[in-house]
Amino acid sequence: MAKKKTCQKCGVRDKDVRTMPDPFTAALYPDEEHEDVTLCPPCAVARFEES
């Protein structure tokens, strides 16, 4: 059974929530290291689109 994580942005708790490098800074500065964030798919897309 997949462990449920909580999205840092919207607070949803689901098995689809993932820990990943920050999509915003990764898009702007692809060659640098990025802080890990825990986001659901819609929030990850929104964070990427902000860049």
C-alpha atoms as a PDB file:
ATOM      1  CA  MET A   1       0.000   0.000   0.000  1.00  0.00           C
ATOM      2  CA  ALA A   2       1.390   3.392  -1.036  1.00  0.00           C
ATOM      3  CA  LYS A   3       2.042   5.821   1.791  1.00  0.00           C
ATOM      4  CA  LYS A   4      -0.020   9.008   1.537  1.00  0.00           C
ATOM      5  CA  LYS A   5       1.814  12.329   1.687  1.00  0.00           C
ATOM      6  CA  THR A   6       0.423  15.828   2.227  1.00  0.00           C
ATOM      7  CA  CYS A   7       0.785  18.556  -0.412  1.00  0.00           C
ATOM      8  CA  GLN A   8       2.656  21.575   0.963  1.00  0.00           C
ATOM      9  CA  LYS A   9       0.568  24.016  -1.082  1.00  0.00           C
ATOM     10  CA  CYS A  10      -3.073  22.872  -0.864  1.00  0.00           C
ATOM     11  CA  GLY A  11      -2.917  20.361   1.993  1.00  0.00           C
ATOM     12  CA  VAL A  12      -4.484  17.446   0.091  1.00  0.00           C
ATOM     13  CA  ARG A  13      -3.386  14.044   1.428  1.00  0.00           C
ATOM     14  CA  ASP A  14      -3.107  11.409  -1.318  1.00  0.00           C
ATOM     15  CA  LYS A  15      -0.892   8.671  -2.725  1.00  0.00           C
ATOM     16  CA  ASP A  16      -0.270  10.824  -5.836  1.00  0.00           C
ATOM     17  CA  VAL A  17       1.501  13.540  -3.803  1.00  0.00           C
ATOM     18  CA  ARG A  18       5.255  13.384  -4.556  1.00  0.00           C
ATOM     19  CA  THR A  19       8.448  14.869  -3.182  1.00  0.00           C
ATOM     20  CA  MET A  20      10.378  16.523  -6.028  1.00  0.00           C
ATOM     21  CA  PRO A  21      12.772  19.368  -6.751  1.00  0.00           C
ATOM     22  CA  ASP A  22      10.889  22.677  -6.771  1.00  0.00           C
ATOM     23  CA  PRO A  23       9.346  22.910 -10.296  1.00  0.00           C
ATOM     24  CA  PHE A  24       9.522  26.727 -10.245  1.00  0.00           C
ATOM     25  CA  THR A  25      13.256  27.050  -9.584  1.00  0.00           C
ATOM     26  CA  ALA A  26      14.068  23.950 -11.657  1.00  0.00           C
ATOM     27  CA  ALA A  27      12.471  25.592 -14.706  1.00  0.00           C
ATOM     28  CA  LEU A  28      14.295  28.890 -14.151  1.00  0.00           C
ATOM     29  CA  TYR A  29      17.688  27.493 -13.123  1.00  0.00           C
ATOM     30  CA  PRO A  30      18.003  23.932 -14.503  1.00  0.00           C
ATOM     31  CA  ASP A  31      21.733  23.600 -13.769  1.00  0.00           C
ATOM     32  CA  GLU A  32      21.479  24.394 -10.049  1.00  0.00           C
ATOM     33  CA  GLU A  33      20.371  22.281  -7.075  1.00  0.00           C
ATOM     34  CA  HIS A  34      16.827  22.840  -5.856  1.00  0.00           C
ATOM     35  CA  GLU A  35      14.943  22.523  -2.589  1.00  0.00           C
ATOM     36  CA  ASP A  36      12.711  19.455  -2.422  1.00  0.00           C
ATOM     37  CA  VAL A  37       9.000  20.165  -2.121  1.00  0.00           C
ATOM     38  CA  THR A  38       6.030  17.837  -1.619  1.00  0.00           C
ATOM     39  CA  LEU A  39       3.247  18.626  -4.097  1.00  0.00           C
ATOM     40  CA  CYS A  40       0.164  17.022  -5.649  1.00  0.00           C
ATOM     41  CA  PRO A  41       0.114  16.900  -9.481  1.00  0.00           C
ATOM     42  CA  PRO A  42      -2.146  19.986  -9.943  1.00  0.00           C
ATOM     43  CA  CYS A  43      -0.034  22.091  -7.566  1.00  0.00           C
ATOM     44  CA  ALA A  44       3.193  20.901  -9.214  1.00  0.00           C
ATOM     45  CA  VAL A  45       1.869  21.975 -12.621  1.00  0.00           C
ATOM     46  CA  ALA A  46       0.699  25.324 -11.220  1.00  0.00           C
ATOM     47  CA  ARG A  47       4.095  25.893  -9.572  1.00  0.00           C
ATOM     48  CA  PHE A  48       5.874  25.099 -12.869  1.00  0.00           C
ATOM     49  CA  GLU A  49       3.568  27.436 -14.817  1.00  0.00           C
ATOM     50  CA  GLU A  50       4.384  30.284 -12.408  1.00  0.00           C
ATOM     51  CA  SER A  51       7.931  30.231 -13.767  1.00  0.00           C
END
